[in-house]
PDB file of all heavy atoms in Angstrom:
ATOM      1  N   ASP A   1       2.620  -6.328   9.970  1.00  0.00           N
ATOM      2  CA  ASP A   1       1.696  -7.380   9.416  1.00  0.00           C
ATOM      3  C   ASP A   1       0.342  -7.295  10.180  1.00  0.00           C
ATOM      4  O   ASP A   1       0.364  -6.989  11.394  1.00  0.00           O
ATOM      5  CB  ASP A   1       2.308  -8.743   9.554  1.00  0.00           C
ATOM      6  CG  ASP A   1       3.607  -8.899   8.840  1.00  0.00           C
ATOM      7  OD1 ASP A   1       3.694  -8.426   7.686  1.00  0.00           O
ATOM      8  OD2 ASP A   1       4.590  -9.371   9.459  1.00  0.00           O
ATOM      9  N   PRO A   2      -0.802  -7.468   9.476  1.00  0.00           N
ATOM     10  CA  PRO A   2      -0.915  -7.968   8.121  1.00  0.00           C
ATOM     11  C   PRO A   2      -0.879  -6.795   7.045  1.00  0.00           C
ATOM     12  O   PRO A   2      -1.114  -7.038   5.906  1.00  0.00           O
ATOM     13  CB  PRO A   2      -2.291  -8.618   8.084  1.00  0.00           C
ATOM     14  CG  PRO A   2      -3.080  -7.751   9.098  1.00  0.00           C
ATOM     15  CD  PRO A   2      -2.077  -7.412  10.187  1.00  0.00           C
ATOM     16  N   TRP A   3      -0.538  -5.572   7.526  1.00  0.00           N
ATOM     17  CA  TRP A   3      -0.468  -4.454   6.527  1.00  0.00           C
ATOM     18  C   TRP A   3       0.390  -4.790   5.364  1.00  0.00           C
ATOM     19  O   TRP A   3       0.048  -4.595   4.162  1.00  0.00           O
ATOM     20  CB  TRP A   3       0.056  -3.193   7.228  1.00  0.00           C
ATOM     21  CG  TRP A   3       0.332  -2.105   6.275  1.00  0.00           C
ATOM     22  CD1 TRP A   3      -0.538  -1.173   5.753  1.00  0.00           C
ATOM     23  CD2 TRP A   3       1.635  -1.734   5.735  1.00  0.00           C
ATOM     24  NE1 TRP A   3       0.132  -0.286   4.920  1.00  0.00           N
ATOM     25  CE2 TRP A   3       1.449  -0.647   4.878  1.00  0.00           C
ATOM     26  CE3 TRP A   3       2.899  -2.262   5.851  1.00  0.00           C
ATOM     27  CZ2 TRP A   3       2.491  -0.079   4.222  1.00  0.00           C
ATOM     28  CZ3 TRP A   3       4.006  -1.687   5.208  1.00  0.00           C
ATOM     29  CH2 TRP A   3       3.793  -0.601   4.342  1.00  0.00           C
ATOM     30  N   ARG A   4       1.597  -5.389   5.631  1.00  0.00           N
ATOM     31  CA  ARG A   4       2.545  -5.633   4.552  1.00  0.00           C
ATOM     32  C   ARG A   4       1.982  -6.588   3.518  1.00  0.00           C
ATOM     33  O   ARG A   4       2.075  -6.376   2.326  1.00  0.00           O
ATOM     34  CB  ARG A   4       3.834  -6.211   5.168  1.00  0.00           C
ATOM     35  CG  ARG A   4       4.881  -6.575   4.153  1.00  0.00           C
ATOM     36  CD  ARG A   4       6.254  -6.713   4.795  1.00  0.00           C
ATOM     37  NE  ARG A   4       6.186  -7.251   6.183  1.00  0.00           N
ATOM     38  CZ  ARG A   4       7.157  -7.092   7.056  1.00  0.00           C
ATOM     39  NH1 ARG A   4       8.229  -6.410   6.787  1.00  0.00           N
ATOM     40  NH2 ARG A   4       7.043  -7.661   8.235  1.00  0.00           N
ATOM     41  N   GLN A   5       1.336  -7.681   3.958  1.00  0.00           N
ATOM     42  CA  GLN A   5       0.762  -8.627   2.977  1.00  0.00           C
ATOM     43  C   GLN A   5      -0.388  -8.015   2.186  1.00  0.00           C
ATOM     44  O   GLN A   5      -0.528  -8.199   1.008  1.00  0.00           O
ATOM     45  CB  GLN A   5       0.240  -9.865   3.753  1.00  0.00           C
ATOM     46  CG  GLN A   5       1.316 -10.735   4.338  1.00  0.00           C
ATOM     47  CD  GLN A   5       1.784 -10.291   5.748  1.00  0.00           C
ATOM     48  OE1 GLN A   5       1.382  -9.244   6.244  1.00  0.00           O
ATOM     49  NE2 GLN A   5       2.614 -11.122   6.348  1.00  0.00           N
ATOM     50  N   ASN A   6      -1.183  -7.231   2.927  1.00  0.00           N
ATOM     51  CA  ASN A   6      -2.389  -6.624   2.224  1.00  0.00           C
ATOM     52  C   ASN A   6      -1.989  -5.534   1.258  1.00  0.00           C
ATOM     53  O   ASN A   6      -2.563  -5.418   0.196  1.00  0.00           O
ATOM     54  CB  ASN A   6      -3.340  -6.081   3.279  1.00  0.00           C
ATOM     55  CG  ASN A   6      -4.089  -7.160   4.014  1.00  0.00           C
ATOM     56  OD1 ASN A   6      -4.398  -8.200   3.419  1.00  0.00           O
ATOM     57  ND2 ASN A   6      -4.362  -6.955   5.283  1.00  0.00           N
ATOM     58  N   ILE A   7      -0.935  -4.755   1.619  1.00  0.00           N
ATOM     59  CA  ILE A   7      -0.509  -3.746   0.691  1.00  0.00           C
ATOM     60  C   ILE A   7       0.088  -4.248  -0.559  1.00  0.00           C
ATOM     61  O   ILE A   7      -0.073  -3.756  -1.669  1.00  0.00           O
ATOM     62  CB  ILE A   7       0.462  -2.679   1.391  1.00  0.00           C
ATOM     63  CG1 ILE A   7       0.434  -1.310   0.727  1.00  0.00           C
ATOM     64  CG2 ILE A   7       1.870  -3.171   1.377  1.00  0.00           C
ATOM     65  CD1 ILE A   7      -0.662  -0.425   1.146  1.00  0.00           C
ATOM     66  N   LYS A   8       0.782  -5.402  -0.400  1.00  0.00           N
ATOM     67  CA  LYS A   8       1.371  -6.040  -1.603  1.00  0.00           C
ATOM     68  C   LYS A   8       0.282  -6.629  -2.471  1.00  0.00           C
ATOM     69  O   LYS A   8       0.362  -6.649  -3.726  1.00  0.00           O
ATOM     70  CB  LYS A   8       2.354  -7.122  -1.133  1.00  0.00           C
ATOM     71  CG  LYS A   8       3.660  -6.569  -0.610  1.00  0.00           C
ATOM     72  CD  LYS A   8       4.626  -7.670  -0.189  1.00  0.00           C
ATOM     73  CE  LYS A   8       5.981  -7.108   0.328  1.00  0.00           C
ATOM     74  NZ  LYS A   8       6.871  -8.197   0.771  1.00  0.00           N
ATOM     75  N   GLU A   9      -0.774  -7.185  -1.818  1.00  0.00           N
ATOM     76  CA  GLU A   9      -1.900  -7.748  -2.574  1.00  0.00           C
ATOM     77  C   GLU A   9      -2.588  -6.651  -3.351  1.00  0.00           C
ATOM     78  O   GLU A   9      -2.925  -6.801  -4.521  1.00  0.00           O
ATOM     79  CB  GLU A   9      -2.856  -8.475  -1.631  1.00  0.00           C
ATOM     80  CG  GLU A   9      -4.034  -9.042  -2.323  1.00  0.00           C
ATOM     81  CD  GLU A   9      -3.712 -10.089  -3.412  1.00  0.00           C
ATOM     82  OE1 GLU A   9      -2.687 -10.765  -3.300  1.00  0.00           O
ATOM     83  OE2 GLU A   9      -4.511 -10.190  -4.411  1.00  0.00           O
ATOM     84  N   LEU A  10      -2.855  -5.547  -2.696  1.00  0.00           N
ATOM     85  CA  LEU A  10      -3.513  -4.404  -3.359  1.00  0.00           C
ATOM     86  C   LEU A  10      -2.697  -3.908  -4.571  1.00  0.00           C
ATOM     87  O   LEU A  10      -3.207  -3.644  -5.640  1.00  0.00           O
ATOM     88  CB  LEU A  10      -3.800  -3.267  -2.386  1.00  0.00           C
ATOM     89  CG  LEU A  10      -4.427  -1.986  -2.972  1.00  0.00           C
ATOM     90  CD1 LEU A  10      -5.807  -2.323  -3.513  1.00  0.00           C
ATOM     91  CD2 LEU A  10      -4.464  -0.872  -1.936  1.00  0.00           C
ATOM     92  N   ALA A  11      -1.398  -3.879  -4.358  1.00  0.00           N
ATOM     93  CA  ALA A  11      -0.484  -3.341  -5.408  1.00  0.00           C
ATOM     94  C   ALA A  11      -0.437  -4.244  -6.615  1.00  0.00           C
ATOM     95  O   ALA A  11       0.014  -3.815  -7.689  1.00  0.00           O
ATOM     96  CB  ALA A  11       0.954  -3.130  -4.822  1.00  0.00           C
ATOM     97  N   ARG A  12      -0.900  -5.490  -6.559  1.00  0.00           N
ATOM     98  CA  ARG A  12      -0.937  -6.376  -7.717  1.00  0.00           C
ATOM     99  C   ARG A  12      -1.915  -5.774  -8.721  1.00  0.00           C
ATOM    100  O   ARG A  12      -1.853  -6.123  -9.924  1.00  0.00           O
ATOM    101  CB  ARG A  12      -1.384  -7.734  -7.296  1.00  0.00           C
ATOM    102  CG  ARG A  12      -0.293  -8.489  -6.494  1.00  0.00           C
ATOM    103  CD  ARG A  12      -0.755  -9.894  -6.075  1.00  0.00           C
ATOM    104  NE  ARG A  12      -1.116 -10.644  -7.285  1.00  0.00           N
ATOM    105  CZ  ARG A  12      -2.207 -11.421  -7.477  1.00  0.00           C
ATOM    106  NH1 ARG A  12      -3.123 -11.411  -6.533  1.00  0.00           N
ATOM    107  NH2 ARG A  12      -2.407 -12.041  -8.563  1.00  0.00           N
ATOM    108  N   ARG A  13      -2.836  -4.908  -8.353  1.00  0.00           N
ATOM    109  CA  ARG A  13      -3.790  -4.249  -9.259  1.00  0.00           C
ATOM    110  C   ARG A  13      -3.077  -3.042  -9.884  1.00  0.00           C
ATOM    111  O   ARG A  13      -2.760  -2.066  -9.198  1.00  0.00           O
ATOM    112  CB  ARG A  13      -4.989  -3.788  -8.492  1.00  0.00           C
ATOM    113  CG  ARG A  13      -6.035  -4.881  -8.196  1.00  0.00           C
ATOM    114  CD  ARG A  13      -5.562  -5.720  -7.047  1.00  0.00           C
ATOM    115  NE  ARG A  13      -6.565  -6.773  -6.712  1.00  0.00           N
ATOM    116  CZ  ARG A  13      -6.319  -7.775  -6.014  1.00  0.00           C
ATOM    117  NH1 ARG A  13      -5.098  -8.003  -5.505  1.00  0.00           N
ATOM    118  NH2 ARG A  13      -7.230  -8.719  -5.808  1.00  0.00           N
ATOM    119  N   GLU A  14      -2.727  -3.115 -11.137  1.00  0.00           N
ATOM    120  CA  GLU A  14      -1.914  -2.133 -11.800  1.00  0.00           C
ATOM    121  C   GLU A  14      -2.593  -0.775 -11.970  1.00  0.00           C
ATOM    122  O   GLU A  14      -1.931   0.214 -12.413  1.00  0.00           O
ATOM    123  CB  GLU A  14      -1.359  -2.657 -13.098  1.00  0.00           C
ATOM    124  CG  GLU A  14      -0.415  -3.834 -12.939  1.00  0.00           C
ATOM    125  CD  GLU A  14       0.268  -4.244 -14.189  1.00  0.00           C
ATOM    126  OE1 GLU A  14       0.005  -3.643 -15.228  1.00  0.00           O
ATOM    127  OE2 GLU A  14       1.139  -5.171 -14.128  1.00  0.00           O
ATOM    128  N   ASN A  15      -3.872  -0.699 -11.686  1.00  0.00           N
ATOM    129  CA  ASN A  15      -4.629   0.537 -11.740  1.00  0.00           C
ATOM    130  C   ASN A  15      -4.510   1.322 -10.406  1.00  0.00           C
ATOM    131  O   ASN A  15      -5.216   2.348 -10.229  1.00  0.00           O
ATOM    132  CB  ASN A  15      -6.062   0.314 -12.180  1.00  0.00           C
ATOM    133  CG  ASN A  15      -6.807  -0.660 -11.226  1.00  0.00           C
ATOM    134  OD1 ASN A  15      -6.234  -1.628 -10.751  1.00  0.00           O
ATOM    135  ND2 ASN A  15      -8.076  -0.367 -11.059  1.00  0.00           N
ATOM    136  N   VAL A  16      -3.750   0.785  -9.454  1.00  0.00           N
ATOM    137  CA  VAL A  16      -3.644   1.464  -8.135  1.00  0.00           C
ATOM    138  C   VAL A  16      -2.253   2.045  -7.951  1.00  0.00           C
ATOM    139  O   VAL A  16      -1.214   1.375  -8.159  1.00  0.00           O
ATOM    140  CB  VAL A  16      -3.851   0.422  -6.972  1.00  0.00           C
ATOM    141  CG1 VAL A  16      -3.827   1.137  -5.639  1.00  0.00           C
ATOM    142  CG2 VAL A  16      -5.261  -0.200  -7.196  1.00  0.00           C
ATOM    143  N   TYR A  17      -2.208   3.330  -7.652  1.00  0.00           N
ATOM    144  CA  TYR A  17      -1.013   4.035  -7.261  1.00  0.00           C
ATOM    145  C   TYR A  17      -0.983   4.301  -5.742  1.00  0.00           C
ATOM    146  O   TYR A  17      -1.975   4.043  -5.138  1.00  0.00           O
ATOM    147  CB  TYR A  17      -0.980   5.400  -8.009  1.00  0.00           C
ATOM    148  CG  TYR A  17      -0.832   5.328  -9.501  1.00  0.00           C
ATOM    149  CD1 TYR A  17      -1.854   4.936 -10.317  1.00  0.00           C
ATOM    150  CD2 TYR A  17       0.398   5.664 -10.138  1.00  0.00           C
ATOM    151  CE1 TYR A  17      -1.756   4.897 -11.689  1.00  0.00           C
ATOM    152  CE2 TYR A  17       0.535   5.587 -11.539  1.00  0.00           C
ATOM    153  CZ  TYR A  17      -0.518   5.230 -12.281  1.00  0.00           C
ATOM    154  OH  TYR A  17      -0.403   5.166 -13.689  1.00  0.00           O
ATOM    155  N   CYS A  18       0.114   4.850  -5.281  1.00  0.00           N
ATOM    156  CA  CYS A  18       0.228   4.988  -3.775  1.00  0.00           C
ATOM    157  C   CYS A  18       1.048   6.236  -3.459  1.00  0.00           C
ATOM    158  O   CYS A  18       2.049   6.503  -4.141  1.00  0.00           O
ATOM    159  CB  CYS A  18       0.890   3.751  -3.206  1.00  0.00           C
ATOM    160  SG  CYS A  18       1.064   3.773  -1.387  1.00  0.00           S
ATOM    161  N   LYS A  19       0.585   6.925  -2.419  1.00  0.00           N
ATOM    162  CA  LYS A  19       1.348   8.141  -1.949  1.00  0.00           C
ATOM    163  C   LYS A  19       2.199   7.828  -0.764  1.00  0.00           C
ATOM    164  O   LYS A  19       1.736   7.232   0.235  1.00  0.00           O
ATOM    165  CB  LYS A  19       0.311   9.226  -1.581  1.00  0.00           C
ATOM    166  CG  LYS A  19      -0.404   9.813  -2.712  1.00  0.00           C
ATOM    167  CD  LYS A  19      -1.386  10.867  -2.278  1.00  0.00           C
ATOM    168  CE  LYS A  19      -2.243  11.426  -3.471  1.00  0.00           C
ATOM    169  NZ  LYS A  19      -3.189  12.410  -3.030  1.00  0.00           N
ATOM    170  N   VAL A  20       3.438   8.265  -0.800  1.00  0.00           N
ATOM    171  CA  VAL A  20       4.311   8.198   0.368  1.00  0.00           C
ATOM    172  C   VAL A  20       4.062   9.413   1.146  1.00  0.00           C
ATOM    173  O   VAL A  20       4.673  10.476   0.945  1.00  0.00           O
ATOM    174  CB  VAL A  20       5.821   8.070  -0.059  1.00  0.00           C
ATOM    175  CG1 VAL A  20       6.723   8.072   1.183  1.00  0.00           C
ATOM    176  CG2 VAL A  20       6.043   6.869  -0.928  1.00  0.00           C
ATOM    177  N   SER A  21       3.112   9.381   2.022  1.00  0.00           N
ATOM    178  CA  SER A  21       2.674  10.501   2.835  1.00  0.00           C
ATOM    179  C   SER A  21       2.073  10.002   4.161  1.00  0.00           C
ATOM    180  O   SER A  21       1.683   8.843   4.239  1.00  0.00           O
ATOM    181  CB  SER A  21       1.673  11.339   2.059  1.00  0.00           C
ATOM    182  OG  SER A  21       0.529  10.565   1.687  1.00  0.00           O
ATOM    183  N   GLY A  22       1.977  10.885   5.108  1.00  0.00           N
ATOM    184  CA  GLY A  22       1.208  10.608   6.295  1.00  0.00           C
ATOM    185  C   GLY A  22       1.826   9.629   7.334  1.00  0.00           C
ATOM    186  O   GLY A  22       1.193   9.359   8.319  1.00  0.00           O
ATOM    187  N   LEU A  23       3.065   9.193   7.075  1.00  0.00           N
ATOM    188  CA  LEU A  23       3.649   8.263   7.987  1.00  0.00           C
ATOM    189  C   LEU A  23       4.018   8.930   9.366  1.00  0.00           C
ATOM    190  O   LEU A  23       3.840   8.214  10.396  1.00  0.00           O
ATOM    191  CB  LEU A  23       4.867   7.612   7.387  1.00  0.00           C
ATOM    192  CG  LEU A  23       4.708   6.553   6.323  1.00  0.00           C
ATOM    193  CD1 LEU A  23       6.038   6.075   5.781  1.00  0.00           C
ATOM    194  CD2 LEU A  23       3.881   5.369   6.850  1.00  0.00           C
ATOM    195  N   VAL A  24       4.440  10.134   9.325  1.00  0.00           N
ATOM    196  CA  VAL A  24       4.913  10.697  10.641  1.00  0.00           C
ATOM    197  C   VAL A  24       3.750  10.886  11.625  1.00  0.00           C
ATOM    198  O   VAL A  24       3.928  10.820  12.794  1.00  0.00           O
ATOM    199  CB  VAL A  24       5.563  12.061  10.459  1.00  0.00           C
ATOM    200  CG1 VAL A  24       7.047  11.843   9.906  1.00  0.00           C
ATOM    201  CG2 VAL A  24       4.815  12.998   9.579  1.00  0.00           C
ATOM    202  N   THR A  25       2.548  11.091  11.047  1.00  0.00           N
ATOM    203  CA  THR A  25       1.403  11.292  11.945  1.00  0.00           C
ATOM    204  C   THR A  25       0.735  10.000  12.395  1.00  0.00           C
ATOM    205  O   THR A  25      -0.164   9.999  13.222  1.00  0.00           O
ATOM    206  CB  THR A  25       0.384  12.193  11.288  1.00  0.00           C
ATOM    207  OG1 THR A  25       0.138  11.815   9.918  1.00  0.00           O
ATOM    208  CG2 THR A  25       0.876  13.696  11.278  1.00  0.00           C
TER     209      THR A  25
END
């Protein structure tokens, strides 16, 4: 947090997709 709250808010925009990448770095 606050990443979790903000990512959920951004995802409410249905024109936004997301990549599962870059976590290990």
